[in-house]
Amino acid sequence: MSEVETHNLRLDRPLEQQGIKAIDALHVACAEASQSDYFITCDKRLINRCQGLTLKAINPTDFIFEIEDDN
């Protein structure tokens, strides 16, 4: 994580309190810190638990459909 300073990440506790596993919480926190619009995953449980975050958790197929609809 040389590019992203860890003190700016919303690490484990708040995300784990939503039922997100520690390693997934780190990935989501990095995506949020990089100001990503989307977090793409095949993990339905993780998608459901990421609702209400600043980025949108979405599966790859839905992401493609959403991007195609925008064009």
PDB file of N, CA and C in Angstrom:
ATOM      1  N   MET A   1       0.816  -1.182   0.000  1.00  0.00           N
ATOM      2  CA  MET A   1       0.000   0.000   0.000  1.00  0.00           C
ATOM      3  C   MET A   1       0.864   1.251   0.000  1.00  0.00           C
ATOM      4  N   SER A   2       1.846   1.325  -0.802  1.00  0.00           N
ATOM      5  CA  SER A   2       2.730   2.472  -0.803  1.00  0.00           C
ATOM      6  C   SER A   2       2.050   3.733  -1.321  1.00  0.00           C
ATOM      7  N   GLU A   3       1.103   3.601  -2.225  1.00  0.00           N
ATOM      8  CA  GLU A   3       0.418   4.753  -2.802  1.00  0.00           C
ATOM      9  C   GLU A   3      -0.681   5.301  -1.895  1.00  0.00           C
ATOM     10  N   VAL A   4      -1.256   4.464  -1.067  1.00  0.00           N
ATOM     11  CA  VAL A   4      -2.380   4.855  -0.226  1.00  0.00           C
ATOM     12  C   VAL A   4      -1.924   4.847   1.223  1.00  0.00           C
ATOM     13  N   GLU A   5      -2.108   5.951   1.904  1.00  0.00           N
ATOM     14  CA  GLU A   5      -1.718   6.015   3.302  1.00  0.00           C
ATOM     15  C   GLU A   5      -2.769   5.314   4.155  1.00  0.00           C
ATOM     16  N   THR A   6      -2.325   4.397   4.977  1.00  0.00           N
ATOM     17  CA  THR A   6      -3.269   3.574   5.729  1.00  0.00           C
ATOM     18  C   THR A   6      -4.093   4.372   6.726  1.00  0.00           C
ATOM     19  N   HIS A   7      -3.618   5.507   7.206  1.00  0.00           N
ATOM     20  CA  HIS A   7      -4.411   6.267   8.173  1.00  0.00           C
ATOM     21  C   HIS A   7      -5.630   6.920   7.526  1.00  0.00           C
ATOM     22  N   ASN A   8      -5.676   6.988   6.226  1.00  0.00           N
ATOM     23  CA  ASN A   8      -6.835   7.530   5.523  1.00  0.00           C
ATOM     24  C   ASN A   8      -7.882   6.462   5.210  1.00  0.00           C
ATOM     25  N   LEU A   9      -7.566   5.203   5.448  1.00  0.00           N
ATOM     26  CA  LEU A   9      -8.491   4.122   5.140  1.00  0.00           C
ATOM     27  C   LEU A   9      -9.473   3.915   6.275  1.00  0.00           C
ATOM     28  N   ARG A  10     -10.687   3.614   5.898  1.00  0.00           N
ATOM     29  CA  ARG A  10     -11.695   3.241   6.890  1.00  0.00           C
ATOM     30  C   ARG A  10     -11.525   1.743   7.105  1.00  0.00           C
ATOM     31  N   LEU A  11     -10.580   1.379   7.956  1.00  0.00           N
ATOM     32  CA  LEU A  11     -10.209  -0.030   8.111  1.00  0.00           C
ATOM     33  C   LEU A  11     -11.110  -0.777   9.066  1.00  0.00           C
ATOM     34  N   ASP A  12     -11.073  -2.014   8.921  1.00  0.00           N
ATOM     35  CA  ASP A  12     -11.786  -3.127   9.518  1.00  0.00           C
ATOM     36  C   ASP A  12     -12.930  -2.830  10.472  1.00  0.00           C
ATOM     37  N   ARG A  13     -12.790  -2.139  11.552  1.00  0.00           N
ATOM     38  CA  ARG A  13     -13.864  -2.086  12.549  1.00  0.00           C
ATOM     39  C   ARG A  13     -15.209  -1.632  11.994  1.00  0.00           C
ATOM     40  N   PRO A  14     -15.354  -0.417  11.422  1.00  0.00           N
ATOM     41  CA  PRO A  14     -16.683  -0.021  10.949  1.00  0.00           C
ATOM     42  C   PRO A  14     -17.250  -0.992   9.910  1.00  0.00           C
ATOM     43  N   LEU A  15     -16.422  -1.457   9.005  1.00  0.00           N
ATOM     44  CA  LEU A  15     -16.891  -2.369   7.969  1.00  0.00           C
ATOM     45  C   LEU A  15     -17.163  -3.759   8.552  1.00  0.00           C
ATOM     46  N   GLU A  16     -16.330  -4.198   9.488  1.00  0.00           N
ATOM     47  CA  GLU A  16     -16.569  -5.496  10.116  1.00  0.00           C
ATOM     48  C   GLU A  16     -17.855  -5.486  10.926  1.00  0.00           C
ATOM     49  N   GLN A  17     -18.209  -4.332  11.474  1.00  0.00           N
ATOM     50  CA  GLN A  17     -19.456  -4.226  12.230  1.00  0.00           C
ATOM     51  C   GLN A  17     -20.670  -4.401  11.313  1.00  0.00           C
ATOM     52  N   GLN A  18     -20.486  -4.227  10.021  1.00  0.00           N
ATOM     53  CA  GLN A  18     -21.533  -4.482   9.042  1.00  0.00           C
ATOM     54  C   GLN A  18     -21.519  -5.937   8.588  1.00  0.00           C
ATOM     55  N   GLY A  19     -20.656  -6.742   9.183  1.00  0.00           N
ATOM     56  CA  GLY A  19     -20.578  -8.153   8.845  1.00  0.00           C
ATOM     57  C   GLY A  19     -19.623  -8.457   7.710  1.00  0.00           C
ATOM     58  N   ILE A  20     -18.759  -7.512   7.374  1.00  0.00           N
ATOM     59  CA  ILE A  20     -17.795  -7.701   6.290  1.00  0.00           C
ATOM     60  C   ILE A  20     -16.507  -8.272   6.889  1.00  0.00           C
ATOM     61  N   LYS A  21     -16.001  -9.351   6.283  1.00  0.00           N
ATOM     62  CA  LYS A  21     -14.774  -9.986   6.761  1.00  0.00           C
ATOM     63  C   LYS A  21     -13.592  -9.019   6.645  1.00  0.00           C
ATOM     64  N   ALA A  22     -12.591  -9.209   7.503  1.00  0.00           N
ATOM     65  CA  ALA A  22     -11.454  -8.288   7.582  1.00  0.00           C
ATOM     66  C   ALA A  22     -10.762  -8.094   6.230  1.00  0.00           C
ATOM     67  N   ILE A  23     -10.488  -9.157   5.507  1.00  0.00           N
ATOM     68  CA  ILE A  23      -9.783  -9.013   4.227  1.00  0.00           C
ATOM     69  C   ILE A  23     -10.656  -8.296   3.202  1.00  0.00           C
ATOM     70  N   ASP A  24     -11.956  -8.574   3.217  1.00  0.00           N
ATOM     71  CA  ASP A  24     -12.869  -7.856   2.327  1.00  0.00           C
ATOM     72  C   ASP A  24     -12.957  -6.393   2.732  1.00  0.00           C
ATOM     73  N   ALA A  25     -12.953  -6.124   4.030  1.00  0.00           N
ATOM     74  CA  ALA A  25     -13.007  -4.750   4.527  1.00  0.00           C
ATOM     75  C   ALA A  25     -11.799  -3.955   4.041  1.00  0.00           C
ATOM     76  N   LEU A  26     -10.637  -4.589   4.017  1.00  0.00           N
ATOM     77  CA  LEU A  26      -9.435  -3.920   3.521  1.00  0.00           C
ATOM     78  C   LEU A  26      -9.582  -3.582   2.043  1.00  0.00           C
ATOM     79  N   HIS A  27     -10.091  -4.514   1.253  1.00  0.00           N
ATOM     80  CA  HIS A  27     -10.285  -4.262  -0.179  1.00  0.00           C
ATOM     81  C   HIS A  27     -11.290  -3.132  -0.405  1.00  0.00           C
ATOM     82  N   VAL A  28     -12.386  -3.156   0.324  1.00  0.00           N
ATOM     83  CA  VAL A  28     -13.410  -2.116   0.181  1.00  0.00           C
ATOM     84  C   VAL A  28     -12.850  -0.765   0.628  1.00  0.00           C
ATOM     85  N   ALA A  29     -12.109  -0.754   1.735  1.00  0.00           N
ATOM     86  CA  ALA A  29     -11.516   0.490   2.230  1.00  0.00           C
ATOM     87  C   ALA A  29     -10.542   1.082   1.213  1.00  0.00           C
ATOM     88  N   CYS A  30      -9.758   0.235   0.561  1.00  0.00           N
ATOM     89  CA  CYS A  30      -8.830   0.717  -0.474  1.00  0.00           C
ATOM     90  C   CYS A  30      -9.594   1.298  -1.660  1.00  0.00           C
ATOM     91  N   ALA A  31     -10.679   0.640  -2.046  1.00  0.00           N
ATOM     92  CA  ALA A  31     -11.497   1.147  -3.156  1.00  0.00           C
ATOM     93  C   ALA A  31     -12.117   2.496  -2.790  1.00  0.00           C
ATOM     94  N   GLU A  32     -12.588   2.632  -1.550  1.00  0.00           N
ATOM     95  CA  GLU A  32     -13.146   3.909  -1.099  1.00  0.00           C
ATOM     96  C   GLU A  32     -12.071   4.993  -1.062  1.00  0.00           C
ATOM     97  N   ALA A  33     -10.885   4.647  -0.556  1.00  0.00           N
ATOM     98  CA  ALA A  33      -9.796   5.613  -0.449  1.00  0.00           C
ATOM     99  C   ALA A  33      -9.338   6.113  -1.812  1.00  0.00           C
ATOM    100  N   SER A  34      -9.446   5.258  -2.826  1.00  0.00           N
ATOM    101  CA  SER A  34      -9.045   5.665  -4.173  1.00  0.00           C
ATOM    102  C   SER A  34     -10.192   6.350  -4.918  1.00  0.00           C
ATOM    103  N   GLN A  35     -11.289   6.579  -4.203  1.00  0.00           N
ATOM    104  CA  GLN A  35     -12.471   7.259  -4.731  1.00  0.00           C
ATOM    105  C   GLN A  35     -13.064   6.538  -5.943  1.00  0.00           C
ATOM    106  N   SER A  36     -13.060   5.211  -5.871  1.00  0.00           N
ATOM    107  CA  SER A  36     -13.663   4.402  -6.934  1.00  0.00           C
ATOM    108  C   SER A  36     -15.177   4.577  -6.919  1.00  0.00           C
ATOM    109  N   ASP A  37     -15.768   4.521  -8.086  1.00  0.00           N
ATOM    110  CA  ASP A  37     -17.223   4.576  -8.183  1.00  0.00           C
ATOM    111  C   ASP A  37     -17.834   3.206  -7.949  1.00  0.00           C
ATOM    112  N   TYR A  38     -17.086   2.151  -8.290  1.00  0.00           N
ATOM    113  CA  TYR A  38     -17.591   0.787  -8.212  1.00  0.00           C
ATOM    114  C   TYR A  38     -16.614  -0.120  -7.497  1.00  0.00           C
ATOM    115  N   PHE A  39     -17.168  -1.125  -6.832  1.00  0.00           N
ATOM    116  CA  PHE A  39     -16.396  -2.234  -6.279  1.00  0.00           C
ATOM    117  C   PHE A  39     -16.994  -3.484  -6.906  1.00  0.00           C
ATOM    118  N   ILE A  40     -16.254  -4.117  -7.801  1.00  0.00           N
ATOM    119  CA  ILE A  40     -16.775  -5.248  -8.571  1.00  0.00           C
ATOM    120  C   ILE A  40     -16.367  -6.553  -7.903  1.00  0.00           C
ATOM    121  N   THR A  41     -17.375  -7.380  -7.609  1.00  0.00           N
ATOM    122  CA  THR A  41     -17.143  -8.658  -6.934  1.00  0.00           C
ATOM    123  C   THR A  41     -18.237  -9.648  -7.313  1.00  0.00           C
ATOM    124  N   CYS A  42     -17.928 -10.914  -7.220  1.00  0.00           N
ATOM    125  CA  CYS A  42     -18.928 -11.971  -7.433  1.00  0.00           C
ATOM    126  C   CYS A  42     -19.557 -12.421  -6.120  1.00  0.00           C
ATOM    127  N   ASP A  43     -19.138 -11.846  -5.018  1.00  0.00           N
ATOM    128  CA  ASP A  43     -19.595 -12.227  -3.687  1.00  0.00           C
ATOM    129  C   ASP A  43     -20.916 -11.508  -3.366  1.00  0.00           C
ATOM    130  N   LYS A  44     -22.038 -12.222  -3.510  1.00  0.00           N
ATOM    131  CA  LYS A  44     -23.358 -11.629  -3.283  1.00  0.00           C
ATOM    132  C   LYS A  44     -23.508 -11.121  -1.853  1.00  0.00           C
ATOM    133  N   ARG A  45     -22.972 -11.860  -0.908  1.00  0.00           N
ATOM    134  CA  ARG A  45     -23.052 -11.452   0.495  1.00  0.00           C
ATOM    135  C   ARG A  45     -22.344 -10.118   0.711  1.00  0.00           C
ATOM    136  N   LEU A  46     -21.170  -9.978   0.110  1.00  0.00           N
ATOM    137  CA  LEU A  46     -20.409  -8.734   0.238  1.00  0.00           C
ATOM    138  C   LEU A  46     -21.147  -7.579  -0.434  1.00  0.00           C
ATOM    139  N   ILE A  47     -21.722  -7.824  -1.595  1.00  0.00           N
ATOM    140  CA  ILE A  47     -22.494  -6.785  -2.288  1.00  0.00           C
ATOM    141  C   ILE A  47     -23.620  -6.286  -1.382  1.00  0.00           C
ATOM    142  N   ASN A  48     -24.341  -7.207  -0.770  1.00  0.00           N
ATOM    143  CA  ASN A  48     -25.453  -6.831   0.109  1.00  0.00           C
ATOM    144  C   ASN A  48     -24.985  -6.039   1.319  1.00  0.00           C
ATOM    145  N   ARG A  49     -23.837  -6.392   1.859  1.00  0.00           N
ATOM    146  CA  ARG A  49     -23.341  -5.731   3.071  1.00  0.00           C
ATOM    147  C   ARG A  49     -22.665  -4.398   2.778  1.00  0.00           C
ATOM    148  N   CYS A  50     -22.384  -4.113   1.521  1.00  0.00           N
ATOM    149  CA  CYS A  50     -21.739  -2.850   1.150  1.00  0.00           C
ATOM    150  C   CYS A  50     -22.742  -1.751   0.791  1.00  0.00           C
ATOM    151  N   GLN A  51     -24.006  -2.030   0.896  1.00  0.00           N
ATOM    152  CA  GLN A  51     -25.002  -1.007   0.592  1.00  0.00           C
ATOM    153  C   GLN A  51     -24.843   0.154   1.559  1.00  0.00           C
ATOM    154  N   GLY A  52     -24.975   1.343   1.051  1.00  0.00           N
ATOM    155  CA  GLY A  52     -24.849   2.534   1.881  1.00  0.00           C
ATOM    156  C   GLY A  52     -23.445   3.119   1.921  1.00  0.00           C
ATOM    157  N   LEU A  53     -22.502   2.513   1.209  1.00  0.00           N
ATOM    158  CA  LEU A  53     -21.150   3.055   1.155  1.00  0.00           C
ATOM    159  C   LEU A  53     -21.063   4.114   0.057  1.00  0.00           C
ATOM    160  N   THR A  54     -19.936   4.802  -0.012  1.00  0.00           N
ATOM    161  CA  THR A  54     -19.761   5.848  -1.023  1.00  0.00           C
ATOM    162  C   THR A  54     -19.581   5.274  -2.425  1.00  0.00           C
ATOM    163  N   LEU A  55     -19.202   4.008  -2.519  1.00  0.00           N
ATOM    164  CA  LEU A  55     -19.065   3.368  -3.826  1.00  0.00           C
ATOM    165  C   LEU A  55     -20.165   2.324  -3.987  1.00  0.00           C
ATOM    166  N   LYS A  56     -20.361   1.878  -5.202  1.00  0.00           N
ATOM    167  CA  LYS A  56     -21.396   0.892  -5.477  1.00  0.00           C
ATOM    168  C   LYS A  56     -20.758  -0.477  -5.661  1.00  0.00           C
ATOM    169  N   ALA A  57     -21.138  -1.424  -4.794  1.00  0.00           N
ATOM    170  CA  ALA A  57     -20.686  -2.804  -4.939  1.00  0.00           C
ATOM    171  C   ALA A  57     -21.623  -3.492  -5.928  1.00  0.00           C
ATOM    172  N   ILE A  58     -21.032  -4.163  -6.900  1.00  0.00           N
ATOM    173  CA  ILE A  58     -21.816  -4.713  -7.997  1.00  0.00           C
ATOM    174  C   ILE A  58     -21.107  -5.937  -8.572  1.00  0.00           C
ATOM    175  N   ASN A  59     -21.887  -6.888  -9.118  1.00  0.00           N
ATOM    176  CA  ASN A  59     -21.233  -8.044  -9.749  1.00  0.00           C
ATOM    177  C   ASN A  59     -20.840  -7.671 -11.183  1.00  0.00           C
ATOM    178  N   PRO A  60     -19.899  -8.400 -11.765  1.00  0.00           N
ATOM    179  CA  PRO A  60     -19.368  -8.035 -13.092  1.00  0.00           C
ATOM    180  C   PRO A  60     -20.435  -7.948 -14.189  1.00  0.00           C
ATOM    181  N   THR A  61     -21.387  -8.864 -14.195  1.00  0.00           N
ATOM    182  CA  THR A  61     -22.421  -8.849 -15.228  1.00  0.00           C
ATOM    183  C   THR A  61     -23.283  -7.602 -15.115  1.00  0.00           C
ATOM    184  N   ASP A  62     -23.734  -7.298 -13.906  1.00  0.00           N
ATOM    185  CA  ASP A  62     -24.543  -6.099 -13.707  1.00  0.00           C
ATOM    186  C   ASP A  62     -23.760  -4.833 -14.034  1.00  0.00           C
ATOM    187  N   PHE A  63     -22.468  -4.842 -13.742  1.00  0.00           N
ATOM    188  CA  PHE A  63     -21.623  -3.697 -14.070  1.00  0.00           C
ATOM    189  C   PHE A  63     -21.607  -3.457 -15.582  1.00  0.00           C
ATOM    190  N   ILE A  64     -21.430  -4.523 -16.350  1.00  0.00           N
ATOM    191  CA  ILE A  64     -21.407  -4.385 -17.811  1.00  0.00           C
ATOM    192  C   ILE A  64     -22.737  -3.831 -18.319  1.00  0.00           C
ATOM    193  N   PHE A  65     -23.846  -4.379 -17.817  1.00  0.00           N
ATOM    194  CA  PHE A  65     -25.161  -3.883 -18.222  1.00  0.00           C
ATOM    195  C   PHE A  65     -25.335  -2.413 -17.851  1.00  0.00           C
ATOM    196  N   GLU A  66     -24.876  -2.034 -16.679  1.00  0.00           N
ATOM    197  CA  GLU A  66     -25.021  -0.646 -16.236  1.00  0.00           C
ATOM    198  C   GLU A  66     -24.196   0.305 -17.096  1.00  0.00           C
ATOM    199  N   ILE A  67     -22.977  -0.090 -17.418  1.00  0.00           N
ATOM    200  CA  ILE A  67     -22.124   0.740 -18.251  1.00  0.00           C
ATOM    201  C   ILE A  67     -22.701   0.849 -19.657  1.00  0.00           C
ATOM    202  N   GLU A  68     -23.198  -0.262 -20.204  1.00  0.00           N
ATOM    203  CA  GLU A  68     -23.814  -0.232 -21.547  1.00  0.00           C
ATOM    204  C   GLU A  68     -25.036   0.663 -21.575  1.00  0.00           C
ATOM    205  N   ASP A  69     -25.833   0.652 -20.507  1.00  0.00           N
ATOM    206  CA  ASP A  69     -27.013   1.505 -20.430  1.00  0.00           C
ATOM    207  C   ASP A  69     -26.636   2.984 -20.391  1.00  0.00           C
ATOM    208  N   ASP A  70     -25.472   3.300 -19.789  1.00  0.00           N
ATOM    209  CA  ASP A  70     -25.015   4.689 -19.716  1.00  0.00           C
ATOM    210  C   ASP A  70     -24.569   5.214 -21.071  1.00  0.00           C
ATOM    211  N   ASN A  71     -24.177   4.324 -21.961  1.00  0.00           N
ATOM    212  CA  ASN A  71     -23.697   4.738 -23.281  1.00  0.00           C
ATOM    213  C   ASN A  71     -24.853   4.755 -24.190  1.00  0.00           C
TER     214      ASN A  71
END
